[in-house]
N, C-alpha and C. Protein backbone atom coordinates (compact mmCIF):
# COMPACT_ATOMS: atom_id res chain seq x y z
N UNK A 1 124.29 85.28 57.79
CA UNK A 1 123.37 85.85 58.13
C UNK A 1 122.99 86.05 59.12
N UNK A 2 122.59 84.97 59.85
CA UNK A 2 122.73 84.38 61.27
C UNK A 2 123.37 85.13 62.49
N UNK A 3 124.48 85.80 61.69
CA UNK A 3 125.85 86.48 62.94
C UNK A 3 125.39 87.91 62.87
N UNK A 4 124.88 88.07 61.78
CA UNK A 4 124.41 89.72 61.48
C UNK A 4 123.09 90.27 62.57
N UNK A 5 122.22 89.25 62.24
CA UNK A 5 121.10 88.94 62.68
C UNK A 5 121.24 89.07 64.20
N UNK A 6 121.86 87.96 64.77
CA UNK A 6 122.25 88.24 66.34
C UNK A 6 122.68 89.61 66.76
N UNK A 7 123.55 89.82 65.99
CA UNK A 7 124.23 91.35 66.11
C UNK A 7 123.39 92.68 66.54
N UNK A 8 122.51 92.52 65.53
CA UNK A 8 121.72 93.75 65.28
C UNK A 8 120.72 93.39 67.08
N UNK A 9 120.19 92.43 66.98
CA UNK A 9 119.15 92.39 68.49
C UNK A 9 120.15 92.39 69.46
N UNK A 10 122.05 92.30 69.77
CA UNK A 10 122.51 92.74 70.68
C UNK A 10 122.35 93.95 70.84
N UNK A 11 122.41 94.88 69.75
CA UNK A 11 122.91 95.97 69.50
C UNK A 11 121.91 96.88 69.89
N UNK A 12 120.34 96.24 69.59
CA UNK A 12 118.84 96.51 70.08
C UNK A 12 118.84 96.10 71.89
N UNK A 13 119.69 95.41 72.11
CA UNK A 13 118.83 95.09 73.55
C UNK A 13 120.09 95.72 74.47
N UNK A 14 121.43 95.92 73.79
CA UNK A 14 122.08 97.07 74.75
C UNK A 14 121.33 98.62 74.84
N UNK A 15 120.80 99.09 73.66
CA UNK A 15 120.15 100.00 73.34
C UNK A 15 119.07 100.36 74.47
N UNK A 16 118.38 99.36 74.36
CA UNK A 16 117.13 98.96 75.36
C UNK A 16 117.33 99.42 76.68
N UNK A 17 118.52 99.07 77.10
CA UNK A 17 119.24 98.66 78.44
C UNK A 17 119.96 100.17 79.17
N UNK A 18 120.51 100.78 78.01
CA UNK A 18 120.94 101.49 77.87
C UNK A 18 119.47 102.85 78.12
N UNK A 19 118.62 103.01 77.72
CA UNK A 19 117.94 103.88 77.98
C UNK A 19 117.32 103.23 79.00
N UNK A 20 116.98 102.56 79.32
CA UNK A 20 116.02 102.32 80.37
C UNK A 20 116.91 102.60 81.73
N UNK A 21 118.39 102.64 81.51
CA UNK A 21 119.49 102.92 82.76
C UNK A 21 119.31 104.32 82.81
N UNK A 22 119.19 104.85 81.87
CA UNK A 22 119.62 106.51 82.11
C UNK A 22 117.78 106.93 82.45
N UNK A 23 116.47 106.34 82.15
CA UNK A 23 115.52 106.63 82.83
C UNK A 23 115.17 106.30 84.08
N UNK A 24 116.04 105.35 84.54
CA UNK A 24 115.91 105.00 86.37
C UNK A 24 117.00 105.87 86.96
N UNK A 25 118.00 106.42 86.41
CA UNK A 25 118.96 107.00 86.82
C UNK A 25 118.47 108.54 86.90
N UNK A 26 117.44 109.24 85.74
CA UNK A 26 116.74 110.60 85.76
C UNK A 26 115.57 110.58 86.26
N UNK A 27 114.39 109.20 87.02
CA UNK A 27 113.82 108.83 87.88
C UNK A 27 114.39 109.23 89.33
N UNK A 28 115.32 108.71 89.40
CA UNK A 28 116.24 108.26 90.83
C UNK A 28 116.93 110.36 91.26
N UNK A 29 117.14 110.54 90.42
CA UNK A 29 117.94 112.26 90.48
C UNK A 29 116.26 112.98 90.75
N UNK A 30 115.25 112.84 90.45
CA UNK A 30 114.17 113.71 90.32
C UNK A 30 113.71 113.46 91.95
N UNK A 31 114.09 112.42 93.05
CA UNK A 31 113.41 112.84 94.10
C UNK A 31 114.82 112.45 95.37
N UNK A 32 114.25 112.43 96.56
CA UNK A 32 114.98 112.94 97.39
C UNK A 32 114.67 110.93 98.57
N UNK A 33 115.56 110.55 98.51
CA UNK A 33 114.86 109.07 99.46
C UNK A 33 114.80 108.74 100.84
N UNK A 34 115.29 109.71 101.30
CA UNK A 34 115.28 110.07 103.22
C UNK A 34 114.21 111.43 102.73
N UNK A 35 113.36 111.55 104.43
CA UNK A 35 113.15 112.77 105.09
C UNK A 35 113.26 112.27 106.32
N UNK A 36 113.10 113.19 107.34
CA UNK A 36 113.10 113.00 108.43
C UNK A 36 112.45 114.45 109.21
N UNK A 37 110.76 114.13 110.38
CA UNK A 37 110.33 115.28 110.23
C UNK A 37 110.27 114.93 112.02
N UNK A 38 109.98 116.25 112.79
CA UNK A 38 109.45 116.22 114.00
C UNK A 38 108.73 117.04 114.27
N UNK A 39 107.70 116.77 115.13
CA UNK A 39 106.11 117.23 114.46
C UNK A 39 106.18 117.26 116.40
N UNK A 40 104.91 118.27 116.61
CA UNK A 40 103.93 117.80 118.19
C UNK A 40 102.58 117.54 117.83
N UNK A 41 102.59 116.60 118.71
CA UNK A 41 101.20 115.62 118.21
C UNK A 41 100.52 115.56 119.52
N UNK A 42 99.57 115.83 119.31
CA UNK A 42 98.24 115.58 120.18
C UNK A 42 97.55 114.82 120.16
N UNK A 43 97.24 114.19 121.42
CA UNK A 43 97.14 112.43 121.30
C UNK A 43 95.67 112.09 122.27
N UNK A 44 94.76 111.80 121.33
CA UNK A 44 93.58 111.36 121.94
C UNK A 44 92.83 110.55 122.13
N UNK A 45 92.98 109.88 123.45
CA UNK A 45 92.37 108.31 122.98
C UNK A 45 90.77 108.80 122.93
N UNK A 46 90.31 107.32 122.29
CA UNK A 46 89.09 107.10 121.59
C UNK A 46 88.59 105.85 122.28
N UNK A 47 88.46 105.66 124.00
CA UNK A 47 88.48 104.85 124.78
C UNK A 47 87.41 104.33 125.09
N UNK A 48 87.09 102.81 124.94
CA UNK A 48 85.83 102.12 125.82
C UNK A 48 86.44 101.08 126.12
N UNK A 49 85.81 100.27 126.88
CA UNK A 49 86.29 99.11 128.23
C UNK A 49 85.17 98.40 128.48
N UNK A 50 85.19 96.70 128.37
CA UNK A 50 84.48 95.67 128.92
C UNK A 50 85.51 95.57 130.42
N UNK A 51 84.78 95.81 131.65
CA UNK A 51 85.21 95.74 132.80
C UNK A 51 84.69 94.88 133.46
N UNK A 52 85.57 93.20 134.08
CA UNK A 52 84.69 92.95 135.08
C UNK A 52 84.04 92.83 135.97
N UNK A 53 83.39 92.50 137.03
CA UNK A 53 83.33 92.46 138.03
C UNK A 53 82.44 94.08 138.64
N UNK A 54 83.52 94.85 138.68
CA UNK A 54 82.50 96.48 139.05
C UNK A 54 81.70 97.20 137.64
N UNK A 55 82.14 96.31 136.85
CA UNK A 55 81.45 97.25 135.74
C UNK A 55 82.27 98.45 135.30
N UNK A 56 81.01 99.29 134.38
CA UNK A 56 81.31 100.46 133.83
C UNK A 56 82.25 101.12 133.01
N UNK A 57 82.98 102.23 132.85
CA UNK A 57 83.72 102.60 131.53
C UNK A 57 85.10 102.76 131.89
N UNK A 58 86.03 103.54 131.05
CA UNK A 58 87.41 103.89 131.46
C UNK A 58 87.44 105.51 130.51
N UNK A 59 88.10 105.70 131.57
CA UNK A 59 88.54 107.19 130.22
C UNK A 59 90.60 107.22 130.42
N UNK A 60 90.52 107.62 129.52
CA UNK A 60 92.26 108.00 129.70
C UNK A 60 92.49 109.57 129.26
N UNK A 61 93.58 110.32 130.12
CA UNK A 61 93.29 111.95 129.86
C UNK A 61 94.06 111.80 127.82
N UNK A 62 94.01 113.03 127.65
CA UNK A 62 94.51 113.75 126.54
C UNK A 62 96.07 113.79 126.77
N UNK A 63 97.00 114.00 125.67
CA UNK A 63 98.03 114.65 126.26
C UNK A 63 98.75 115.24 124.54
N UNK A 64 100.16 116.27 124.89
CA UNK A 64 101.25 116.54 123.55
C UNK A 64 102.17 115.81 123.89
N UNK A 65 102.88 115.55 123.03
CA UNK A 65 104.25 115.04 123.11
C UNK A 65 104.96 115.29 121.90
N UNK A 66 106.03 115.41 121.67
CA UNK A 66 107.25 115.87 120.31
C UNK A 66 107.44 114.27 119.82
N UNK A 67 107.03 114.62 118.69
CA UNK A 67 107.55 112.51 118.07
C UNK A 67 108.24 113.22 116.63
N UNK A 68 109.27 111.99 116.40
CA UNK A 68 110.21 111.89 115.48
C UNK A 68 110.10 110.52 114.38
N UNK A 69 110.10 111.14 113.01
CA UNK A 69 110.11 109.67 112.34
C UNK A 69 110.86 109.63 111.34
N UNK A 70 111.36 108.78 110.40
CA UNK A 70 111.98 108.66 109.13
C UNK A 70 111.12 108.09 108.51
N UNK A 71 111.24 108.42 107.02
CA UNK A 71 110.54 108.11 105.46
C UNK A 71 111.60 108.07 104.85
N UNK A 72 112.08 107.00 104.45
CA UNK A 72 112.07 106.16 102.98
C UNK A 72 111.46 106.36 101.85
N UNK A 73 111.75 106.82 100.90
CA UNK A 73 111.03 106.67 99.26
C UNK A 73 111.60 105.39 98.62
N UNK A 74 111.13 104.46 98.05
CA UNK A 74 111.02 103.18 97.33
C UNK A 74 111.29 103.79 95.81
N UNK A 75 110.15 104.96 95.92
CA UNK A 75 109.92 105.72 94.38
C UNK A 75 109.32 106.66 95.09
N UNK A 76 109.10 107.79 93.78
CA UNK A 76 108.60 109.05 93.98
C UNK A 76 107.31 109.14 94.83
N UNK A 77 106.51 108.00 94.74
CA UNK A 77 105.19 107.84 95.14
C UNK A 77 104.87 106.88 96.39
N UNK A 78 106.08 106.06 96.32
CA UNK A 78 105.35 105.14 97.58
C UNK A 78 107.01 105.22 98.53
N UNK A 79 106.36 105.05 99.80
CA UNK A 79 107.40 105.65 100.97
C UNK A 79 106.92 104.55 102.31
N UNK A 80 107.65 104.04 103.52
CA UNK A 80 107.73 103.60 104.49
C UNK A 80 107.90 104.70 105.63
N UNK A 81 107.28 105.09 106.17
CA UNK A 81 107.52 106.21 107.37
C UNK A 81 107.86 105.19 108.94
N UNK A 82 108.79 105.33 109.52
CA UNK A 82 108.41 104.68 111.24
C UNK A 82 108.21 105.75 111.98
N UNK A 83 107.59 105.71 112.80
CA UNK A 83 107.11 106.74 113.66
C UNK A 83 107.57 106.17 115.34
N UNK A 84 108.09 107.65 116.09
CA UNK A 84 108.99 107.59 117.31
C UNK A 84 108.11 108.63 118.45
N UNK A 85 107.42 107.80 118.95
CA UNK A 85 107.30 108.74 120.05
C UNK A 85 106.68 108.15 121.70
N UNK A 86 106.68 108.62 122.35
CA UNK A 86 105.85 108.24 123.52
C UNK A 86 104.87 109.02 124.77
N UNK A 87 103.96 108.71 124.99
CA UNK A 87 102.58 109.48 126.22
C UNK A 87 102.65 108.72 127.37
N UNK A 88 101.99 109.32 128.19
CA UNK A 88 101.83 109.43 129.37
C UNK A 88 100.26 109.65 129.49
N UNK A 89 99.41 108.38 130.44
CA UNK A 89 98.25 109.05 130.61
C UNK A 89 97.29 108.90 131.63
N UNK A 90 96.78 109.76 132.82
CA UNK A 90 96.00 109.39 133.52
C UNK A 90 94.89 108.35 133.55
N UNK A 91 94.55 107.20 134.02
CA UNK A 91 93.78 106.28 133.52
C UNK A 91 92.70 106.32 134.94
N UNK A 92 91.73 106.02 134.90
CA UNK A 92 90.31 105.79 135.72
C UNK A 92 89.50 105.02 135.39
N UNK A 93 88.38 104.42 135.88
CA UNK A 93 87.35 104.46 135.41
C UNK A 93 85.74 105.17 135.63
N UNK A 94 85.11 105.21 135.12
CA UNK A 94 83.72 105.89 135.05
C UNK A 94 82.87 104.64 135.22
N UNK A 95 81.69 105.14 136.56
CA UNK A 95 80.67 104.49 136.16
C UNK A 95 80.27 102.88 137.06
N UNK A 96 81.62 102.74 137.61
CA UNK A 96 81.87 101.09 138.42
C UNK A 96 81.01 101.23 139.67
N UNK A 97 80.73 99.84 140.05
CA UNK A 97 79.88 99.46 140.97
C UNK A 97 81.12 98.66 142.02
N UNK A 98 81.13 99.70 142.83
CA UNK A 98 82.05 99.07 144.21
C UNK A 98 80.79 98.89 145.54
N UNK A 99 79.77 98.61 145.45
CA UNK A 99 78.89 98.09 145.99
C UNK A 99 79.38 96.81 147.44
N UNK A 100 79.57 96.12 146.18
CA UNK A 100 80.26 95.13 146.86
C UNK A 100 81.32 94.59 148.43
N UNK A 101 81.60 95.85 147.96
CA UNK A 101 83.12 96.55 148.89
C UNK A 101 82.74 97.32 149.74
N UNK A 102 81.20 97.70 149.85
CA UNK A 102 81.10 98.71 150.82
C UNK A 102 81.10 100.34 150.33
N UNK A 103 80.99 100.35 149.06
CA UNK A 103 81.23 101.77 148.12
C UNK A 103 79.72 101.96 147.38
N UNK A 104 79.91 102.92 146.58
CA UNK A 104 78.95 103.40 145.80
C UNK A 104 78.50 102.36 144.27
N UNK A 105 77.37 102.86 144.15
CA UNK A 105 76.85 102.01 142.81
C UNK A 105 77.66 102.20 141.81
N UNK A 106 77.91 103.44 141.76
CA UNK A 106 78.61 104.31 140.57
C UNK A 106 79.61 105.55 140.65
N UNK A 107 80.87 104.90 140.30
CA UNK A 107 81.70 105.57 141.17
C UNK A 107 82.92 105.64 140.36
N UNK A 108 83.78 106.95 139.95
CA UNK A 108 84.73 107.02 139.70
C UNK A 108 86.36 105.96 140.22
N UNK A 109 86.78 105.47 139.90
CA UNK A 109 88.18 104.44 140.71
C UNK A 109 89.59 104.82 139.56
N UNK A 110 90.58 105.57 140.62
CA UNK A 110 91.43 106.28 139.82
C UNK A 110 92.69 104.86 139.84
N UNK A 111 93.14 104.48 138.77
CA UNK A 111 93.83 103.80 138.36
C UNK A 111 95.07 104.53 137.65
N UNK A 112 95.15 105.45 138.26
CA UNK A 112 96.70 106.07 138.17
C UNK A 112 97.26 106.63 137.07
N UNK A 113 98.50 105.86 136.45
CA UNK A 113 99.06 106.48 135.06
C UNK A 113 99.39 105.03 134.32
N UNK A 114 99.79 105.60 133.39
CA UNK A 114 100.42 104.81 132.31
C UNK A 114 101.38 105.07 131.19
N UNK A 115 102.61 104.60 130.84
CA UNK A 115 103.45 105.12 129.68
C UNK A 115 102.98 104.33 128.44
N UNK A 116 103.17 105.16 127.59
CA UNK A 116 102.92 103.86 126.27
C UNK A 116 104.18 104.25 125.54
N UNK A 117 104.52 103.59 124.60
CA UNK A 117 105.18 103.58 123.52
C UNK A 117 105.49 102.87 122.50
N UNK A 118 104.73 103.56 121.86
CA UNK A 118 103.95 102.69 120.32
C UNK A 118 105.06 103.09 119.01
N UNK A 119 105.76 102.08 118.59
CA UNK A 119 106.40 102.43 117.39
C UNK A 119 105.64 101.91 116.29
N UNK A 120 105.54 102.96 115.62
CA UNK A 120 104.78 102.39 114.27
C UNK A 120 104.61 102.39 112.66
N UNK A 121 104.67 101.69 112.19
CA UNK A 121 105.40 101.69 110.75
C UNK A 121 104.04 102.07 109.70
N UNK A 122 104.11 102.87 108.73
CA UNK A 122 103.05 102.82 107.99
C UNK A 122 103.71 103.11 106.38
N UNK A 123 102.84 102.69 105.61
CA UNK A 123 103.60 102.64 104.27
C UNK A 123 102.50 103.85 103.03
N UNK A 124 103.04 104.52 102.49
CA UNK A 124 102.39 105.32 102.12
C UNK A 124 102.63 105.61 100.51
N UNK A 125 101.14 106.43 100.46
CA UNK A 125 101.42 106.56 98.51
C UNK A 125 101.62 108.73 98.62
N UNK A 126 102.22 109.12 97.84
CA UNK A 126 102.36 110.46 98.29
C UNK A 126 101.73 110.78 96.65
N UNK A 127 101.04 111.37 96.44
CA UNK A 127 100.65 112.43 95.41
C UNK A 127 101.68 113.81 94.87
N UNK A 128 101.31 113.50 93.80
CA UNK A 128 101.89 115.36 93.38
C UNK A 128 100.85 116.69 92.11
N UNK A 129 99.82 116.77 92.79
CA UNK A 129 98.39 117.18 92.00
C UNK A 129 99.24 118.39 91.20
N UNK A 130 100.13 119.03 91.47
CA UNK A 130 100.36 120.09 90.90
C UNK A 130 102.02 120.18 90.64
N UNK A 131 102.16 121.06 88.76
CA UNK A 131 103.27 120.66 87.78
C UNK A 131 104.37 121.32 89.37
N UNK A 132 104.02 122.35 90.13
CA UNK A 132 105.15 122.86 90.86
C UNK A 132 105.86 121.81 92.29
N UNK A 133 104.55 120.98 92.30
CA UNK A 133 105.13 120.46 93.58
C UNK A 133 105.65 120.50 94.78
N UNK A 134 104.71 121.81 95.16
CA UNK A 134 105.30 122.23 96.58
C UNK A 134 103.75 121.83 97.36
N UNK A 135 102.71 121.45 97.48
CA UNK A 135 101.99 120.86 97.76
C UNK A 135 101.90 119.30 97.59
N UNK A 136 102.13 118.08 98.81
CA UNK A 136 102.28 117.17 98.57
C UNK A 136 101.64 116.35 99.35
N UNK A 137 100.41 116.06 99.01
CA UNK A 137 99.57 115.07 100.06
C UNK A 137 99.86 113.36 100.13
N UNK A 138 99.44 112.69 101.26
CA UNK A 138 100.02 111.40 101.07
C UNK A 138 98.35 110.51 102.25
N UNK A 139 98.69 109.42 101.70
CA UNK A 139 97.91 108.26 102.31
C UNK A 139 98.58 107.31 102.90
N UNK A 140 98.44 106.88 104.08
CA UNK A 140 99.48 105.41 104.42
C UNK A 140 98.41 104.44 105.51
N UNK A 141 98.72 103.21 105.65
CA UNK A 141 98.22 102.40 106.53
C UNK A 141 99.58 101.34 107.14
N UNK A 142 99.63 100.85 108.19
CA UNK A 142 100.49 100.30 109.02
C UNK A 142 100.46 99.69 110.10
N UNK A 143 101.79 99.26 110.68
CA UNK A 143 101.45 98.09 111.91
C UNK A 143 101.76 98.99 112.99
N UNK A 144 101.49 98.35 114.40
CA UNK A 144 101.91 99.51 115.49
C UNK A 144 101.84 98.29 116.33
N UNK A 145 103.32 98.41 117.37
CA UNK A 145 103.37 97.67 118.52
C UNK A 145 103.57 98.92 120.18
N UNK A 146 102.35 98.38 120.70
CA UNK A 146 102.47 99.26 121.61
C UNK A 146 102.87 98.38 122.96
N UNK A 147 104.04 99.25 123.74
CA UNK A 147 104.82 98.66 124.97
C UNK A 147 104.16 99.81 125.77
N UNK A 148 103.62 99.28 127.06
CA UNK A 148 103.36 100.08 128.32
C UNK A 148 103.96 99.78 128.95
N UNK A 149 104.85 101.08 129.63
CA UNK A 149 105.71 100.67 130.98
C UNK A 149 105.21 102.21 132.00
N UNK A 150 106.24 102.41 133.16
CA UNK A 150 106.11 103.21 133.85
C UNK A 150 104.72 103.24 134.22
N UNK A 151 104.20 101.75 134.66
CA UNK A 151 102.64 102.11 135.18
C UNK A 151 102.37 102.78 137.25
N UNK A 152 101.62 103.14 137.12
CA UNK A 152 101.66 103.52 138.33
C UNK A 152 100.39 103.81 138.51
N UNK A 153 100.18 102.68 139.80
CA UNK A 153 98.62 102.37 140.16
C UNK A 153 98.04 103.22 140.70
N UNK A 154 98.34 104.20 141.23
CA UNK A 154 97.51 105.46 141.97
C UNK A 154 97.31 104.85 143.86
N UNK A 155 96.79 105.40 144.13
CA UNK A 155 95.85 105.48 145.40
C UNK A 155 95.10 104.41 146.26
N UNK A 156 94.16 104.28 144.65
CA UNK A 156 93.06 103.46 145.09
C UNK A 156 93.25 101.90 145.17
N UNK A 157 94.00 101.35 144.39
CA UNK A 157 94.06 99.98 144.31
C UNK A 157 95.66 99.18 144.45
N UNK A 158 95.64 98.16 144.20
CA UNK A 158 97.93 97.63 145.06
C UNK A 158 98.26 97.78 143.41
N UNK A 159 97.77 97.37 142.18
CA UNK A 159 98.89 97.25 141.31
C UNK A 159 97.71 97.27 139.66
N UNK A 160 98.32 97.58 138.87
CA UNK A 160 97.48 97.59 137.63
C UNK A 160 98.48 96.68 136.25
N UNK A 161 98.22 95.93 135.68
CA UNK A 161 99.07 95.07 134.79
C UNK A 161 98.60 95.43 133.58
N UNK A 162 99.19 95.95 132.24
CA UNK A 162 98.87 96.24 131.12
C UNK A 162 99.34 95.40 130.25
N UNK A 163 98.96 94.22 128.86
CA UNK A 163 99.32 93.21 127.72
C UNK A 163 100.12 94.39 126.83
N UNK A 164 101.25 94.21 126.65
CA UNK A 164 101.99 94.87 125.29
C UNK A 164 100.92 94.14 124.18
N UNK A 165 100.74 95.20 122.97
CA UNK A 165 99.56 94.95 122.18
C UNK A 165 100.05 95.01 120.53
N UNK A 166 99.72 94.66 119.46
CA UNK A 166 99.36 94.82 118.20
C UNK A 166 98.73 95.76 118.25
N UNK A 167 98.61 96.89 117.03
CA UNK A 167 97.36 97.37 116.27
C UNK A 167 97.61 97.71 114.94
N UNK A 168 96.84 98.46 114.37
CA UNK A 168 96.76 98.98 113.30
C UNK A 168 96.66 100.65 113.12
N UNK A 169 97.41 101.20 111.75
CA UNK A 169 97.25 102.14 111.86
C UNK A 169 96.79 102.77 110.58
N UNK A 170 95.89 103.52 110.05
CA UNK A 170 95.81 104.46 109.03
C UNK A 170 95.87 106.23 109.04
N UNK A 171 96.53 107.28 108.31
CA UNK A 171 97.14 108.16 107.98
C UNK A 171 96.61 108.91 107.10
N UNK A 172 96.66 110.17 107.09
CA UNK A 172 96.54 110.80 106.04
C UNK A 172 97.32 112.27 106.58
N UNK A 173 97.47 112.79 105.27
CA UNK A 173 98.44 113.88 105.57
C UNK A 173 99.61 115.01 104.33
N UNK A 174 99.52 115.99 104.81
CA UNK A 174 100.52 116.70 103.66
C UNK A 174 101.76 117.83 104.15
N UNK A 175 102.41 117.22 103.04
CA UNK A 175 103.53 118.03 103.34
C UNK A 175 103.70 119.43 102.42
N UNK A 176 104.10 120.48 102.66
CA UNK A 176 104.29 121.89 102.30
C UNK A 176 105.45 122.31 102.25
N UNK A 177 106.34 122.30 100.59
CA UNK A 177 107.21 122.27 100.36
C UNK A 177 107.59 123.94 100.59
N UNK A 178 109.07 124.05 101.50
CA UNK A 178 109.28 125.47 101.75
C UNK A 178 110.68 125.96 100.46
N UNK A 179 111.36 124.99 100.23
CA UNK A 179 112.29 124.83 99.20
C UNK A 179 112.64 123.57 98.75
N UNK A 180 113.83 122.94 98.02
CA UNK A 180 114.04 121.51 97.95
C UNK A 180 114.49 120.58 99.18
N UNK A 181 114.69 121.19 100.01
CA UNK A 181 115.12 120.11 101.29
C UNK A 181 114.37 120.31 102.64
N UNK A 182 113.48 122.02 102.83
CA UNK A 182 112.72 122.10 103.86
C UNK A 182 111.54 122.22 103.81
N UNK A 183 110.14 121.37 104.74
CA UNK A 183 109.08 121.85 104.43
C UNK A 183 108.20 121.61 105.77
N UNK A 184 107.22 122.31 105.87
CA UNK A 184 105.92 122.13 106.68
C UNK A 184 105.35 120.62 106.84
N UNK A 185 104.65 119.73 107.93
CA UNK A 185 103.93 118.49 107.73
C UNK A 185 102.88 118.90 108.55
N UNK A 186 101.62 118.32 108.07
CA UNK A 186 100.45 118.16 109.05
C UNK A 186 100.03 117.09 108.44
N UNK A 187 100.08 116.00 110.01
CA UNK A 187 99.71 114.82 109.77
C UNK A 187 98.33 114.60 111.00
N UNK A 188 97.71 113.47 110.39
CA UNK A 188 96.68 112.57 111.15
C UNK A 188 96.92 111.52 111.27
N UNK A 189 96.74 110.58 112.46
CA UNK A 189 96.82 109.04 112.25
C UNK A 189 95.72 108.58 113.33
N UNK A 190 95.65 107.59 113.43
CA UNK A 190 94.06 106.69 114.03
C UNK A 190 94.61 105.52 114.08
N UNK A 191 94.93 105.63 115.62
CA UNK A 191 95.80 103.24 115.59
C UNK A 191 94.27 102.64 116.43
N UNK A 192 94.19 101.74 115.64
CA UNK A 192 93.17 100.49 116.18
C UNK A 192 93.81 99.65 116.79
N UNK A 193 93.99 99.67 118.35
CA UNK A 193 94.74 99.27 119.49
C UNK A 193 94.21 98.96 120.91
N UNK A 194 94.14 97.34 121.27
CA UNK A 194 93.50 97.32 122.35
C UNK A 194 94.51 96.24 123.27
N UNK A 195 93.95 96.33 124.68
CA UNK A 195 94.65 95.57 125.70
C UNK A 195 94.69 94.53 126.46
N UNK A 196 94.22 94.21 127.03
CA UNK A 196 94.35 93.15 128.39
C UNK A 196 94.63 93.89 129.88
N UNK A 197 93.75 94.12 130.14
CA UNK A 197 94.26 95.02 131.52
C UNK A 197 94.14 93.98 133.06
N UNK A 198 94.87 93.64 133.99
CA UNK A 198 94.39 93.14 135.31
C UNK A 198 94.85 94.20 136.26
N UNK A 199 93.69 94.24 137.11
CA UNK A 199 93.81 95.13 138.18
C UNK A 199 93.91 94.28 139.33
N UNK A 200 94.92 94.37 140.20
CA UNK A 200 94.93 93.70 141.58
C UNK A 200 94.64 95.07 142.39
N UNK A 201 93.16 94.53 143.04
CA UNK A 201 92.39 95.14 143.88
C UNK A 201 92.08 94.53 145.51
N UNK A 202 93.86 93.74 145.61
CA UNK A 202 93.37 92.56 147.00
C UNK A 202 93.62 93.34 148.23
N UNK A 203 94.38 94.59 148.01
CA UNK A 203 93.93 95.42 149.53
C UNK A 203 92.86 95.80 149.58
N UNK A 204 91.52 96.01 148.89
CA UNK A 204 90.30 96.46 149.12
C UNK A 204 88.96 95.02 149.33
N UNK A 205 89.65 93.78 148.64
CA UNK A 205 89.08 92.61 149.10
C UNK A 205 89.75 91.66 149.35
N UNK A 206 90.18 90.95 149.98
CA UNK A 206 91.17 89.46 149.74
C UNK A 206 90.97 89.09 148.14
N UNK A 207 91.99 88.68 147.56
CA UNK A 207 92.16 88.23 146.10
C UNK A 207 91.35 88.51 145.59
N UNK A 208 91.22 89.58 145.15
CA UNK A 208 90.07 90.63 144.36
C UNK A 208 90.82 91.15 143.12
N UNK A 209 90.47 90.26 142.22
CA UNK A 209 91.45 90.58 140.86
C UNK A 209 90.56 91.06 139.68
N UNK A 210 90.23 92.58 139.13
CA UNK A 210 89.18 92.38 138.35
C UNK A 210 90.12 92.91 136.43
N UNK A 211 89.29 91.96 135.68
CA UNK A 211 90.15 91.58 134.17
C UNK A 211 88.91 92.67 133.45
N UNK A 212 89.65 93.40 132.24
CA UNK A 212 88.82 94.42 131.73
C UNK A 212 90.34 94.15 129.87
N UNK A 213 88.87 94.15 129.25
CA UNK A 213 89.56 94.53 127.68
C UNK A 213 89.53 95.93 127.47
N UNK A 214 90.04 96.54 127.19
CA UNK A 214 90.14 98.40 127.11
C UNK A 214 91.06 98.37 125.49
N UNK A 215 90.01 99.50 124.41
CA UNK A 215 90.07 99.85 123.21
C UNK A 215 90.48 100.95 123.74
N UNK A 216 92.29 101.51 123.11
CA UNK A 216 92.49 102.48 123.19
C UNK A 216 92.00 103.27 122.17
N UNK A 217 92.22 103.05 120.91
CA UNK A 217 92.27 103.96 119.71
C UNK A 217 92.12 105.42 119.99
N UNK A 218 93.88 105.84 120.05
CA UNK A 218 93.85 106.96 120.12
C UNK A 218 93.85 107.77 118.74
N UNK A 219 93.69 109.16 118.45
CA UNK A 219 93.96 109.85 117.24
C UNK A 219 95.00 110.71 117.47
N UNK A 220 95.76 111.04 116.41
CA UNK A 220 97.38 111.86 116.92
C UNK A 220 97.42 112.59 115.57
N UNK A 221 97.14 113.82 116.36
CA UNK A 221 97.02 114.91 115.13
C UNK A 221 98.82 116.29 115.32
N UNK A 222 99.13 116.00 114.36
CA UNK A 222 100.51 116.53 114.45
C UNK A 222 100.77 117.55 113.48
N UNK A 223 101.53 118.78 113.82
CA UNK A 223 102.02 119.67 112.93
C UNK A 223 103.24 119.37 113.06
N UNK A 224 104.18 119.48 112.08
CA UNK A 224 105.69 119.84 112.28
C UNK A 224 106.59 120.34 110.76
N UNK A 225 107.58 120.01 111.01
CA UNK A 225 108.96 120.85 110.00
C UNK A 225 109.63 119.50 109.57
N UNK A 226 110.13 119.38 108.58
CA UNK A 226 110.57 118.20 107.71
C UNK A 226 112.08 118.40 106.88
N UNK A 227 112.72 117.62 106.67
CA UNK A 227 113.83 117.75 105.78
C UNK A 227 114.29 116.89 105.01
N UNK A 228 114.15 117.02 103.71
CA UNK A 228 114.69 115.70 102.60
C UNK A 228 116.19 115.89 102.92
N UNK A 229 116.79 114.76 102.41
CA UNK A 229 117.94 114.18 101.95
C UNK A 229 118.30 113.10 101.29
């Protein structure tokens, strides 16, 4: 009798496991795990700064860049996206007091330009509000590491140094499916990013070094196309 009960339990467990495996197979076949997008992105810094010695604030130019991203779906709803792109910005201070070196009490100081490489990884939740699954909104949040490179100090100061920095990102967007493979994408991201900046102005006054803490906090507004595979 005990052997019969054990055999029945084994059959039951096998049936449950087989049904579960079939369900997982059907679920996994219901979505494609990878997708790639190519976007055009407007980068709009929402900057502010605490500038030592000369005071004032900072201004960074807006720019428009191409952006490439790769997304992996763990399930139909949960995914991770790696965003790759680089941007270049002109930089200057506003309202700075350089009277100590014979200048005006409120002026613009040209700090040249800088390029940013900010790879960003976000984790997303994708919604399917309609049965036909054509319109698919998503939200995301993640982490960013920004590399500052190709620094050009301009014609005013001797040198400008930016520290690489870790930031955080939030994301909102949607995919509009054209067919089972191709889609249109609209995406908005906000990156919370700050960096320490050191301006070497020793060419203006011996030993003059100007520290600053700069919040860049760019808003990224993107439109593009994508492919699932």
